[in-house]
Amino acid sequence: MGQNFYVSEDFWQRDFAAASERAALAAGKRSHLYINGYPDGRVAYLGLNRQFNSFLNAIWSQPGWKFRPPQTLAEVGLVLELLLNAIGTLFKISDYAAPYIGGPVQTLQLP
């Protein structure tokens, strides 16, 4: 394996065909995530994501607290890693035949 990284964009035309969708994505007002793995893991992730976002918004809205929403793509990546690590932990302590899916969380943020 070499030092080169190649990206193939296979879903842009399908998922962001409308100019308004592309503009919202570029402005950071929309994001899109593709999730592989067990259906149970995807459902757990989506449920955790909803509840965790509510929790984060409650924290960020506290007057006088110095916590804030992510302001950069790298900071968004940190929040995503936190969520994916939580789901990975659930699989590590589960009764699934293959209890741990994948390995350490790896993210690549593409602006």
PDB file of N, CA and C in Angstrom:
ATOM      1  N   MET A   1       0.846  -1.174   0.000  1.00  0.00           N
ATOM      2  CA  MET A   1       0.000   0.000   0.000  1.00  0.00           C
ATOM      3  C   MET A   1       0.893   1.239   0.000  1.00  0.00           C
ATOM      4  N   GLY A   2       0.611   2.144  -0.875  1.00  0.00           N
ATOM      5  CA  GLY A   2       1.432   3.343  -1.015  1.00  0.00           C
ATOM      6  C   GLY A   2       0.935   4.496  -0.173  1.00  0.00           C
ATOM      7  N   GLN A   3       1.452   5.666  -0.463  1.00  0.00           N
ATOM      8  CA  GLN A   3       1.111   6.880   0.277  1.00  0.00           C
ATOM      9  C   GLN A   3      -0.014   7.675  -0.384  1.00  0.00           C
ATOM     10  N   ASN A   4      -0.530   7.193  -1.496  1.00  0.00           N
ATOM     11  CA  ASN A   4      -1.569   7.920  -2.213  1.00  0.00           C
ATOM     12  C   ASN A   4      -2.952   7.507  -1.721  1.00  0.00           C
ATOM     13  N   PHE A   5      -3.849   8.454  -1.723  1.00  0.00           N
ATOM     14  CA  PHE A   5      -5.226   8.215  -1.329  1.00  0.00           C
ATOM     15  C   PHE A   5      -6.107   8.658  -2.490  1.00  0.00           C
ATOM     16  N   TYR A   6      -6.924   7.765  -2.974  1.00  0.00           N
ATOM     17  CA  TYR A   6      -7.794   8.066  -4.106  1.00  0.00           C
ATOM     18  C   TYR A   6      -9.248   8.051  -3.649  1.00  0.00           C
ATOM     19  N   VAL A   7     -10.005   9.028  -4.095  1.00  0.00           N
ATOM     20  CA  VAL A   7     -11.409   9.138  -3.738  1.00  0.00           C
ATOM     21  C   VAL A   7     -12.234   9.033  -5.007  1.00  0.00           C
ATOM     22  N   SER A   8     -13.258   8.225  -4.940  1.00  0.00           N
ATOM     23  CA  SER A   8     -14.217   8.130  -6.033  1.00  0.00           C
ATOM     24  C   SER A   8     -15.555   8.627  -5.519  1.00  0.00           C
ATOM     25  N   GLU A   9     -16.103   9.638  -6.129  1.00  0.00           N
ATOM     26  CA  GLU A   9     -17.384  10.184  -5.705  1.00  0.00           C
ATOM     27  C   GLU A   9     -18.482   9.559  -6.544  1.00  0.00           C
ATOM     28  N   ASP A  10     -19.222   8.644  -5.934  1.00  0.00           N
ATOM     29  CA  ASP A  10     -20.229   7.878  -6.663  1.00  0.00           C
ATOM     30  C   ASP A  10     -21.659   8.355  -6.409  1.00  0.00           C
ATOM     31  N   PHE A  11     -21.871   9.191  -5.395  1.00  0.00           N
ATOM     32  CA  PHE A  11     -23.238   9.515  -4.994  1.00  0.00           C
ATOM     33  C   PHE A  11     -23.612  10.984  -5.166  1.00  0.00           C
ATOM     34  N   TRP A  12     -22.667  11.814  -5.574  1.00  0.00           N
ATOM     35  CA  TRP A  12     -22.924  13.247  -5.674  1.00  0.00           C
ATOM     36  C   TRP A  12     -24.125  13.555  -6.562  1.00  0.00           C
ATOM     37  N   GLN A  13     -24.124  13.026  -7.760  1.00  0.00           N
ATOM     38  CA  GLN A  13     -25.212  13.314  -8.692  1.00  0.00           C
ATOM     39  C   GLN A  13     -26.550  12.771  -8.191  1.00  0.00           C
ATOM     40  N   ARG A  14     -26.513  11.624  -7.524  1.00  0.00           N
ATOM     41  CA  ARG A  14     -27.749  11.033  -7.022  1.00  0.00           C
ATOM     42  C   ARG A  14     -28.303  11.801  -5.821  1.00  0.00           C
ATOM     43  N   ASP A  15     -27.438  12.123  -4.860  1.00  0.00           N
ATOM     44  CA  ASP A  15     -27.903  12.673  -3.591  1.00  0.00           C
ATOM     45  C   ASP A  15     -27.907  14.192  -3.533  1.00  0.00           C
ATOM     46  N   PHE A  16     -27.199  14.838  -4.441  1.00  0.00           N
ATOM     47  CA  PHE A  16     -27.121  16.295  -4.434  1.00  0.00           C
ATOM     48  C   PHE A  16     -27.318  16.859  -5.834  1.00  0.00           C
ATOM     49  N   ALA A  17     -28.323  16.363  -6.499  1.00  0.00           N
ATOM     50  CA  ALA A  17     -28.586  16.795  -7.872  1.00  0.00           C
ATOM     51  C   ALA A  17     -29.049  18.253  -7.925  1.00  0.00           C
ATOM     52  N   ALA A  18     -29.801  18.691  -6.925  1.00  0.00           N
ATOM     53  CA  ALA A  18     -30.327  20.057  -6.919  1.00  0.00           C
ATOM     54  C   ALA A  18     -29.253  21.038  -6.448  1.00  0.00           C
ATOM     55  N   ALA A  19     -29.171  22.156  -7.122  1.00  0.00           N
ATOM     56  CA  ALA A  19     -28.196  23.190  -6.757  1.00  0.00           C
ATOM     57  C   ALA A  19     -28.418  23.671  -5.327  1.00  0.00           C
ATOM     58  N   SER A  20     -29.677  23.733  -4.878  1.00  0.00           N
ATOM     59  CA  SER A  20     -29.965  24.186  -3.517  1.00  0.00           C
ATOM     60  C   SER A  20     -29.399  23.209  -2.481  1.00  0.00           C
ATOM     61  N   GLU A  21     -29.409  21.912  -2.783  1.00  0.00           N
ATOM     62  CA  GLU A  21     -28.832  20.914  -1.881  1.00  0.00           C
ATOM     63  C   GLU A  21     -27.319  21.077  -1.791  1.00  0.00           C
ATOM     64  N   ARG A  22     -26.686  21.305  -2.924  1.00  0.00           N
ATOM     65  CA  ARG A  22     -25.231  21.497  -2.939  1.00  0.00           C
ATOM     66  C   ARG A  22     -24.849  22.773  -2.191  1.00  0.00           C
ATOM     67  N   ALA A  23     -25.639  23.843  -2.363  1.00  0.00           N
ATOM     68  CA  ALA A  23     -25.358  25.106  -1.680  1.00  0.00           C
ATOM     69  C   ALA A  23     -25.514  24.954  -0.169  1.00  0.00           C
ATOM     70  N   ALA A  24     -26.543  24.232   0.277  1.00  0.00           N
ATOM     71  CA  ALA A  24     -26.751  24.016   1.711  1.00  0.00           C
ATOM     72  C   ALA A  24     -25.604  23.201   2.296  1.00  0.00           C
ATOM     73  N   LEU A  25     -25.132  22.232   1.546  1.00  0.00           N
ATOM     74  CA  LEU A  25     -24.003  21.418   1.997  1.00  0.00           C
ATOM     75  C   LEU A  25     -22.746  22.273   2.095  1.00  0.00           C
ATOM     76  N   ALA A  26     -22.487  23.083   1.074  1.00  0.00           N
ATOM     77  CA  ALA A  26     -21.291  23.932   1.055  1.00  0.00           C
ATOM     78  C   ALA A  26     -21.322  24.970   2.173  1.00  0.00           C
ATOM     79  N   ALA A  27     -22.515  25.430   2.543  1.00  0.00           N
ATOM     80  CA  ALA A  27     -22.651  26.448   3.586  1.00  0.00           C
ATOM     81  C   ALA A  27     -22.632  25.846   4.990  1.00  0.00           C
ATOM     82  N   GLY A  28     -22.567  24.526   5.072  1.00  0.00           N
ATOM     83  CA  GLY A  28     -22.565  23.878   6.373  1.00  0.00           C
ATOM     84  C   GLY A  28     -23.939  23.776   7.005  1.00  0.00           C
ATOM     85  N   LYS A  29     -24.986  24.031   6.232  1.00  0.00           N
ATOM     86  CA  LYS A  29     -26.353  23.960   6.747  1.00  0.00           C
ATOM     87  C   LYS A  29     -26.951  22.569   6.560  1.00  0.00           C
ATOM     88  N   ARG A  30     -26.232  21.715   5.893  1.00  0.00           N
ATOM     89  CA  ARG A  30     -26.693  20.355   5.653  1.00  0.00           C
ATOM     90  C   ARG A  30     -25.471  19.463   5.628  1.00  0.00           C
ATOM     91  N   SER A  31     -25.652  18.250   6.068  1.00  0.00           N
ATOM     92  CA  SER A  31     -24.582  17.263   5.967  1.00  0.00           C
ATOM     93  C   SER A  31     -25.208  15.946   5.525  1.00  0.00           C
ATOM     94  N   HIS A  32     -24.375  15.020   5.175  1.00  0.00           N
ATOM     95  CA  HIS A  32     -24.870  13.725   4.734  1.00  0.00           C
ATOM     96  C   HIS A  32     -23.897  12.663   5.208  1.00  0.00           C
ATOM     97  N   LEU A  33     -24.423  11.569   5.685  1.00  0.00           N
ATOM     98  CA  LEU A  33     -23.597  10.517   6.241  1.00  0.00           C
ATOM     99  C   LEU A  33     -24.065   9.186   5.674  1.00  0.00           C
ATOM    100  N   TYR A  34     -23.127   8.379   5.228  1.00  0.00           N
ATOM    101  CA  TYR A  34     -23.425   7.026   4.767  1.00  0.00           C
ATOM    102  C   TYR A  34     -22.912   6.066   5.833  1.00  0.00           C
ATOM    103  N   ILE A  35     -23.759   5.133   6.247  1.00  0.00           N
ATOM    104  CA  ILE A  35     -23.414   4.239   7.349  1.00  0.00           C
ATOM    105  C   ILE A  35     -23.512   2.794   6.880  1.00  0.00           C
ATOM    106  N   ASN A  36     -22.422   2.046   7.059  1.00  0.00           N
ATOM    107  CA  ASN A  36     -22.429   0.609   6.796  1.00  0.00           C
ATOM    108  C   ASN A  36     -22.661  -0.125   8.108  1.00  0.00           C
ATOM    109  N   GLY A  37     -22.717  -1.441   8.050  1.00  0.00           N
ATOM    110  CA  GLY A  37     -22.809  -2.232   9.269  1.00  0.00           C
ATOM    111  C   GLY A  37     -24.169  -2.852   9.462  1.00  0.00           C
ATOM    112  N   TYR A  38     -24.356  -3.404  10.642  1.00  0.00           N
ATOM    113  CA  TYR A  38     -25.620  -4.049  10.995  1.00  0.00           C
ATOM    114  C   TYR A  38     -26.751  -3.038  11.052  1.00  0.00           C
ATOM    115  N   PRO A  39     -27.959  -3.445  10.640  1.00  0.00           N
ATOM    116  CA  PRO A  39     -29.109  -2.537  10.779  1.00  0.00           C
ATOM    117  C   PRO A  39     -29.300  -2.070  12.227  1.00  0.00           C
ATOM    118  N   ASP A  40     -29.101  -2.972  13.190  1.00  0.00           N
ATOM    119  CA  ASP A  40     -29.262  -2.591  14.594  1.00  0.00           C
ATOM    120  C   ASP A  40     -28.297  -1.469  14.967  1.00  0.00           C
ATOM    121  N   GLY A  41     -27.083  -1.545  14.475  1.00  0.00           N
ATOM    122  CA  GLY A  41     -26.094  -0.512  14.761  1.00  0.00           C
ATOM    123  C   GLY A  41     -26.465   0.817  14.140  1.00  0.00           C
ATOM    124  N   ARG A  42     -26.988   0.773  12.906  1.00  0.00           N
ATOM    125  CA  ARG A  42     -27.416   2.018  12.253  1.00  0.00           C
ATOM    126  C   ARG A  42     -28.583   2.647  13.012  1.00  0.00           C
ATOM    127  N   VAL A  43     -29.542   1.818  13.412  1.00  0.00           N
ATOM    128  CA  VAL A  43     -30.696   2.330  14.157  1.00  0.00           C
ATOM    129  C   VAL A  43     -30.235   2.906  15.495  1.00  0.00           C
ATOM    130  N   ALA A  44     -29.338   2.195  16.179  1.00  0.00           N
ATOM    131  CA  ALA A  44     -28.812   2.688  17.457  1.00  0.00           C
ATOM    132  C   ALA A  44     -28.083   4.006  17.253  1.00  0.00           C
ATOM    133  N   TYR A  45     -27.275   4.095  16.205  1.00  0.00           N
ATOM    134  CA  TYR A  45     -26.545   5.341  15.932  1.00  0.00           C
ATOM    135  C   TYR A  45     -27.519   6.489  15.693  1.00  0.00           C
ATOM    136  N   LEU A  46     -28.522   6.268  14.852  1.00  0.00           N
ATOM    137  CA  LEU A  46     -29.459   7.347  14.526  1.00  0.00           C
ATOM    138  C   LEU A  46     -30.236   7.789  15.766  1.00  0.00           C
ATOM    139  N   GLY A  47     -30.631   6.835  16.624  1.00  0.00           N
ATOM    140  CA  GLY A  47     -31.318   7.187  17.860  1.00  0.00           C
ATOM    141  C   GLY A  47     -30.413   7.960  18.804  1.00  0.00           C
ATOM    142  N   LEU A  48     -29.187   7.484  18.974  1.00  0.00           N
ATOM    143  CA  LEU A  48     -28.234   8.182  19.825  1.00  0.00           C
ATOM    144  C   LEU A  48     -27.960   9.576  19.279  1.00  0.00           C
ATOM    145  N   ASN A  49     -27.829   9.685  17.975  1.00  0.00           N
ATOM    146  CA  ASN A  49     -27.548  10.977  17.345  1.00  0.00           C
ATOM    147  C   ASN A  49     -28.648  11.986  17.667  1.00  0.00           C
ATOM    148  N   ARG A  50     -29.907  11.568  17.563  1.00  0.00           N
ATOM    149  CA  ARG A  50     -31.026  12.479  17.875  1.00  0.00           C
ATOM    150  C   ARG A  50     -30.958  12.935  19.335  1.00  0.00           C
ATOM    151  N   GLN A  51     -30.797  11.988  20.235  1.00  0.00           N
ATOM    152  CA  GLN A  51     -30.788  12.335  21.656  1.00  0.00           C
ATOM    153  C   GLN A  51     -29.531  13.119  22.028  1.00  0.00           C
ATOM    154  N   PHE A  52     -28.411  12.743  21.445  1.00  0.00           N
ATOM    155  CA  PHE A  52     -27.162  13.434  21.748  1.00  0.00           C
ATOM    156  C   PHE A  52     -27.197  14.864  21.238  1.00  0.00           C
ATOM    157  N   ASN A  53     -27.793  15.074  20.052  1.00  0.00           N
ATOM    158  CA  ASN A  53     -27.919  16.441  19.532  1.00  0.00           C
ATOM    159  C   ASN A  53     -28.778  17.291  20.448  1.00  0.00           C
ATOM    160  N   SER A  54     -29.840  16.714  21.002  1.00  0.00           N
ATOM    161  CA  SER A  54     -30.668  17.450  21.962  1.00  0.00           C
ATOM    162  C   SER A  54     -29.849  17.821  23.199  1.00  0.00           C
ATOM    163  N   PHE A  55     -29.070  16.865  23.685  1.00  0.00           N
ATOM    164  CA  PHE A  55     -28.201  17.108  24.831  1.00  0.00           C
ATOM    165  C   PHE A  55     -27.192  18.228  24.528  1.00  0.00           C
ATOM    166  N   LEU A  56     -26.525  18.116  23.371  1.00  0.00           N
ATOM    167  CA  LEU A  56     -25.529  19.130  23.010  1.00  0.00           C
ATOM    168  C   LEU A  56     -26.160  20.511  22.898  1.00  0.00           C
ATOM    169  N   ASN A  57     -27.325  20.602  22.259  1.00  0.00           N
ATOM    170  CA  ASN A  57     -27.996  21.901  22.120  1.00  0.00           C
ATOM    171  C   ASN A  57     -28.353  22.487  23.480  1.00  0.00           C
ATOM    172  N   ALA A  58     -28.750  21.628  24.432  1.00  0.00           N
ATOM    173  CA  ALA A  58     -29.047  22.104  25.787  1.00  0.00           C
ATOM    174  C   ALA A  58     -27.786  22.644  26.454  1.00  0.00           C
ATOM    175  N   ILE A  59     -26.671  21.959  26.255  1.00  0.00           N
ATOM    176  CA  ILE A  59     -25.397  22.410  26.835  1.00  0.00           C
ATOM    177  C   ILE A  59     -24.963  23.732  26.194  1.00  0.00           C
ATOM    178  N   TRP A  60     -25.035  23.788  24.874  1.00  0.00           N
ATOM    179  CA  TRP A  60     -24.571  24.981  24.157  1.00  0.00           C
ATOM    180  C   TRP A  60     -25.436  26.204  24.429  1.00  0.00           C
ATOM    181  N   SER A  61     -26.669  25.996  24.842  1.00  0.00           N
ATOM    182  CA  SER A  61     -27.564  27.140  25.064  1.00  0.00           C
ATOM    183  C   SER A  61     -27.514  27.667  26.495  1.00  0.00           C
ATOM    184  N   GLN A  62     -26.672  27.095  27.336  1.00  0.00           N
ATOM    185  CA  GLN A  62     -26.568  27.560  28.728  1.00  0.00           C
ATOM    186  C   GLN A  62     -25.836  28.904  28.779  1.00  0.00           C
ATOM    187  N   PRO A  63     -26.499  29.921  29.287  1.00  0.00           N
ATOM    188  CA  PRO A  63     -25.828  31.223  29.409  1.00  0.00           C
ATOM    189  C   PRO A  63     -24.657  31.122  30.390  1.00  0.00           C
ATOM    190  N   GLY A  64     -23.562  31.673  30.008  1.00  0.00           N
ATOM    191  CA  GLY A  64     -22.394  31.692  30.871  1.00  0.00           C
ATOM    192  C   GLY A  64     -21.482  30.494  30.719  1.00  0.00           C
ATOM    193  N   TRP A  65     -21.971  29.409  30.141  1.00  0.00           N
ATOM    194  CA  TRP A  65     -21.108  28.249  29.898  1.00  0.00           C
ATOM    195  C   TRP A  65     -20.317  28.516  28.629  1.00  0.00           C
ATOM    196  N   LYS A  66     -19.112  28.073  28.588  1.00  0.00           N
ATOM    197  CA  LYS A  66     -18.246  28.373  27.450  1.00  0.00           C
ATOM    198  C   LYS A  66     -18.174  27.230  26.442  1.00  0.00           C
ATOM    199  N   PHE A  67     -19.155  26.314  26.509  1.00  0.00           N
ATOM    200  CA  PHE A  67     -19.233  25.273  25.487  1.00  0.00           C
ATOM    201  C   PHE A  67     -19.925  25.867  24.270  1.00  0.00           C
ATOM    202  N   ARG A  68     -19.535  25.395  23.097  1.00  0.00           N
ATOM    203  CA  ARG A  68     -20.108  25.935  21.859  1.00  0.00           C
ATOM    204  C   ARG A  68     -20.193  24.838  20.812  1.00  0.00           C
ATOM    205  N   PRO A  69     -21.043  25.050  19.812  1.00  0.00           N
ATOM    206  CA  PRO A  69     -21.116  24.087  18.709  1.00  0.00           C
ATOM    207  C   PRO A  69     -19.803  24.065  17.925  1.00  0.00           C
ATOM    208  N   PRO A  70     -19.559  22.985  17.205  1.00  0.00           N
ATOM    209  CA  PRO A  70     -18.358  22.938  16.366  1.00  0.00           C
ATOM    210  C   PRO A  70     -18.379  24.073  15.348  1.00  0.00           C
ATOM    211  N   GLN A  71     -17.210  24.647  15.127  1.00  0.00           N
ATOM    212  CA  GLN A  71     -17.102  25.753  14.184  1.00  0.00           C
ATOM    213  C   GLN A  71     -16.271  25.406  12.957  1.00  0.00           C
ATOM    214  N   THR A  72     -15.639  24.273  12.984  1.00  0.00           N
ATOM    215  CA  THR A  72     -14.835  23.854  11.841  1.00  0.00           C
ATOM    216  C   THR A  72     -15.206  22.424  11.467  1.00  0.00           C
ATOM    217  N   LEU A  73     -14.816  22.039  10.289  1.00  0.00           N
ATOM    218  CA  LEU A  73     -15.056  20.673   9.848  1.00  0.00           C
ATOM    219  C   LEU A  73     -14.340  19.680  10.761  1.00  0.00           C
ATOM    220  N   ALA A  74     -13.147  20.021  11.215  1.00  0.00           N
ATOM    221  CA  ALA A  74     -12.401  19.145  12.119  1.00  0.00           C
ATOM    222  C   ALA A  74     -13.154  18.958  13.437  1.00  0.00           C
ATOM    223  N   GLU A  75     -13.774  20.018  13.939  1.00  0.00           N
ATOM    224  CA  GLU A  75     -14.547  19.902  15.177  1.00  0.00           C
ATOM    225  C   GLU A  75     -15.804  19.065  14.968  1.00  0.00           C
ATOM    226  N   VAL A  76     -16.443  19.196  13.829  1.00  0.00           N
ATOM    227  CA  VAL A  76     -17.587  18.330  13.509  1.00  0.00           C
ATOM    228  C   VAL A  76     -17.124  16.873  13.507  1.00  0.00           C
ATOM    229  N   GLY A  77     -15.941  16.622  12.952  1.00  0.00           N
ATOM    230  CA  GLY A  77     -15.376  15.274  12.929  1.00  0.00           C
ATOM    231  C   GLY A  77     -15.174  14.724  14.330  1.00  0.00           C
ATOM    232  N   LEU A  78     -14.759  15.559  15.278  1.00  0.00           N
ATOM    233  CA  LEU A  78     -14.573  15.109  16.658  1.00  0.00           C
ATOM    234  C   LEU A  78     -15.889  14.655  17.282  1.00  0.00           C
ATOM    235  N   VAL A  79     -16.962  15.396  17.028  1.00  0.00           N
ATOM    236  CA  VAL A  79     -18.277  15.020  17.557  1.00  0.00           C
ATOM    237  C   VAL A  79     -18.739  13.706  16.927  1.00  0.00           C
ATOM    238  N   LEU A  80     -18.538  13.559  15.625  1.00  0.00           N
ATOM    239  CA  LEU A  80     -18.909  12.326  14.938  1.00  0.00           C
ATOM    240  C   LEU A  80     -18.116  11.139  15.488  1.00  0.00           C
ATOM    241  N   GLU A  81     -16.827  11.323  15.720  1.00  0.00           N
ATOM    242  CA  GLU A  81     -16.007  10.244  16.295  1.00  0.00           C
ATOM    243  C   GLU A  81     -16.540   9.829  17.664  1.00  0.00           C
ATOM    244  N   LEU A  82     -16.959  10.802  18.456  1.00  0.00           N
ATOM    245  CA  LEU A  82     -17.519  10.505  19.776  1.00  0.00           C
ATOM    246  C   LEU A  82     -18.755   9.620  19.650  1.00  0.00           C
ATOM    247  N   LEU A  83     -19.646   9.974  18.731  1.00  0.00           N
ATOM    248  CA  LEU A  83     -20.858   9.181  18.525  1.00  0.00           C
ATOM    249  C   LEU A  83     -20.532   7.769  18.034  1.00  0.00           C
ATOM    250  N   LEU A  84     -19.636   7.661  17.069  1.00  0.00           N
ATOM    251  CA  LEU A  84     -19.298   6.349  16.525  1.00  0.00           C
ATOM    252  C   LEU A  84     -18.571   5.483  17.559  1.00  0.00           C
ATOM    253  N   ASN A  85     -17.755   6.096  18.408  1.00  0.00           N
ATOM    254  CA  ASN A  85     -17.109   5.349  19.484  1.00  0.00           C
ATOM    255  C   ASN A  85     -18.139   4.815  20.466  1.00  0.00           C
ATOM    256  N   ALA A  86     -19.189   5.586  20.735  1.00  0.00           N
ATOM    257  CA  ALA A  86     -20.243   5.115  21.637  1.00  0.00           C
ATOM    258  C   ALA A  86     -20.927   3.878  21.062  1.00  0.00           C
ATOM    259  N   ILE A  87     -21.232   3.883  19.771  1.00  0.00           N
ATOM    260  CA  ILE A  87     -21.865   2.712  19.151  1.00  0.00           C
ATOM    261  C   ILE A  87     -20.894   1.539  19.147  1.00  0.00           C
ATOM    262  N   GLY A  88     -19.623   1.790  18.862  1.00  0.00           N
ATOM    263  CA  GLY A  88     -18.619   0.727  18.915  1.00  0.00           C
ATOM    264  C   GLY A  88     -18.538   0.103  20.291  1.00  0.00           C
ATOM    265  N   THR A  89     -18.650   0.929  21.319  1.00  0.00           N
ATOM    266  CA  THR A  89     -18.634   0.412  22.688  1.00  0.00           C
ATOM    267  C   THR A  89     -19.829  -0.495  22.936  1.00  0.00           C
ATOM    268  N   LEU A  90     -20.998  -0.111  22.438  1.00  0.00           N
ATOM    269  CA  LEU A  90     -22.180  -0.965  22.594  1.00  0.00           C
ATOM    270  C   LEU A  90     -21.948  -2.333  21.963  1.00  0.00           C
ATOM    271  N   PHE A  91     -21.328  -2.350  20.780  1.00  0.00           N
ATOM    272  CA  PHE A  91     -21.043  -3.632  20.129  1.00  0.00           C
ATOM    273  C   PHE A  91     -20.007  -4.434  20.913  1.00  0.00           C
ATOM    274  N   LYS A  92     -19.034  -3.766  21.509  1.00  0.00           N
ATOM    275  CA  LYS A  92     -18.006  -4.467  22.287  1.00  0.00           C
ATOM    276  C   LYS A  92     -18.602  -5.204  23.482  1.00  0.00           C
ATOM    277  N   ILE A  93     -19.666  -4.670  24.048  1.00  0.00           N
ATOM    278  CA  ILE A  93     -20.270  -5.307  25.215  1.00  0.00           C
ATOM    279  C   ILE A  93     -21.582  -6.005  24.875  1.00  0.00           C
ATOM    280  N   SER A  94     -21.775  -6.329  23.602  1.00  0.00           N
ATOM    281  CA  SER A  94     -23.010  -6.985  23.164  1.00  0.00           C
ATOM    282  C   SER A  94     -22.840  -8.497  23.127  1.00  0.00           C
ATOM    283  N   ASP A  95     -23.934  -9.179  22.788  1.00  0.00           N
ATOM    284  CA  ASP A  95     -23.929 -10.631  22.629  1.00  0.00           C
ATOM    285  C   ASP A  95     -23.939 -11.039  21.156  1.00  0.00           C
ATOM    286  N   TYR A  96     -23.615 -10.107  20.246  1.00  0.00           N
ATOM    287  CA  TYR A  96     -23.514 -10.466  18.837  1.00  0.00           C
ATOM    288  C   TYR A  96     -22.363 -11.442  18.632  1.00  0.00           C
ATOM    289  N   ALA A  97     -22.501 -12.336  17.644  1.00  0.00           N
ATOM    290  CA  ALA A  97     -21.454 -13.325  17.370  1.00  0.00           C
ATOM    291  C   ALA A  97     -20.123 -12.642  17.051  1.00  0.00           C
ATOM    292  N   ALA A  98     -20.179 -11.545  16.333  1.00  0.00           N
ATOM    293  CA  ALA A  98     -18.976 -10.749  16.042  1.00  0.00           C
ATOM    294  C   ALA A  98     -19.183  -9.413  16.757  1.00  0.00           C
ATOM    295  N   PRO A  99     -18.888  -9.371  18.073  1.00  0.00           N
ATOM    296  CA  PRO A  99     -19.311  -8.226  18.863  1.00  0.00           C
ATOM    297  C   PRO A  99     -18.643  -6.902  18.512  1.00  0.00           C
ATOM    298  N   TYR A 100     -17.482  -6.920  17.894  1.00  0.00           N
ATOM    299  CA  TYR A 100     -16.867  -5.637  17.594  1.00  0.00           C
ATOM    300  C   TYR A 100     -16.711  -5.486  16.097  1.00  0.00           C
ATOM    301  N   ILE A 101     -17.325  -4.458  15.570  1.00  0.00           N
ATOM    302  CA  ILE A 101     -17.326  -4.208  14.131  1.00  0.00           C
ATOM    303  C   ILE A 101     -16.189  -3.260  13.794  1.00  0.00           C
ATOM    304  N   GLY A 102     -15.406  -3.634  12.795  1.00  0.00           N
ATOM    305  CA  GLY A 102     -14.353  -2.740  12.332  1.00  0.00           C
ATOM    306  C   GLY A 102     -13.206  -2.655  13.316  1.00  0.00           C
ATOM    307  N   GLY A 103     -12.752  -1.483  13.542  1.00  0.00           N
ATOM    308  CA  GLY A 103     -11.634  -1.226  14.439  1.00  0.00           C
ATOM    309  C   GLY A 103     -11.767   0.182  14.965  1.00  0.00           C
ATOM    310  N   PRO A 104     -10.667   0.836  15.206  1.00  0.00           N
ATOM    311  CA  PRO A 104     -10.753   2.222  15.694  1.00  0.00           C
ATOM    312  C   PRO A 104     -11.499   3.098  14.676  1.00  0.00           C
ATOM    313  N   VAL A 105     -12.220   4.073  15.199  1.00  0.00           N
ATOM    314  CA  VAL A 105     -12.957   4.984  14.333  1.00  0.00           C
ATOM    315  C   VAL A 105     -11.974   5.774  13.481  1.00  0.00           C
ATOM    316  N   GLN A 106     -12.236   5.823  12.201  1.00  0.00           N
ATOM    317  CA  GLN A 106     -11.419   6.601  11.269  1.00  0.00           C
ATOM    318  C   GLN A 106     -12.357   7.569  10.559  1.00  0.00           C
ATOM    319  N   THR A 107     -11.994   8.829  10.536  1.00  0.00           N
ATOM    320  CA  THR A 107     -12.811   9.811   9.828  1.00  0.00           C
ATOM    321  C   THR A 107     -11.949  10.537   8.809  1.00  0.00           C
ATOM    322  N   LEU A 108     -12.589  10.974   7.778  1.00  0.00           N
ATOM    323  CA  LEU A 108     -11.956  11.806   6.768  1.00  0.00           C
ATOM    324  C   LEU A 108     -12.965  12.884   6.420  1.00  0.00           C
ATOM    325  N   GLN A 109     -12.657  14.101   6.755  1.00  0.00           N
ATOM    326  CA  GLN A 109     -13.567  15.207   6.478  1.00  0.00           C
ATOM    327  C   GLN A 109     -13.221  15.800   5.119  1.00  0.00           C
ATOM    328  N   LEU A 110     -14.199  15.809   4.251  1.00  0.00           N
ATOM    329  CA  LEU A 110     -14.008  16.370   2.908  1.00  0.00           C
ATOM    330  C   LEU A 110     -14.841  17.632   2.774  1.00  0.00           C
ATOM    331  N   PRO A 111     -14.193  18.786   2.695  1.00  0.00           N
ATOM    332  CA  PRO A 111     -14.975  20.029   2.554  1.00  0.00           C
ATOM    333  C   PRO A 111     -15.667  20.098   1.208  1.00  0.00           C
TER     334      PRO A 111
END
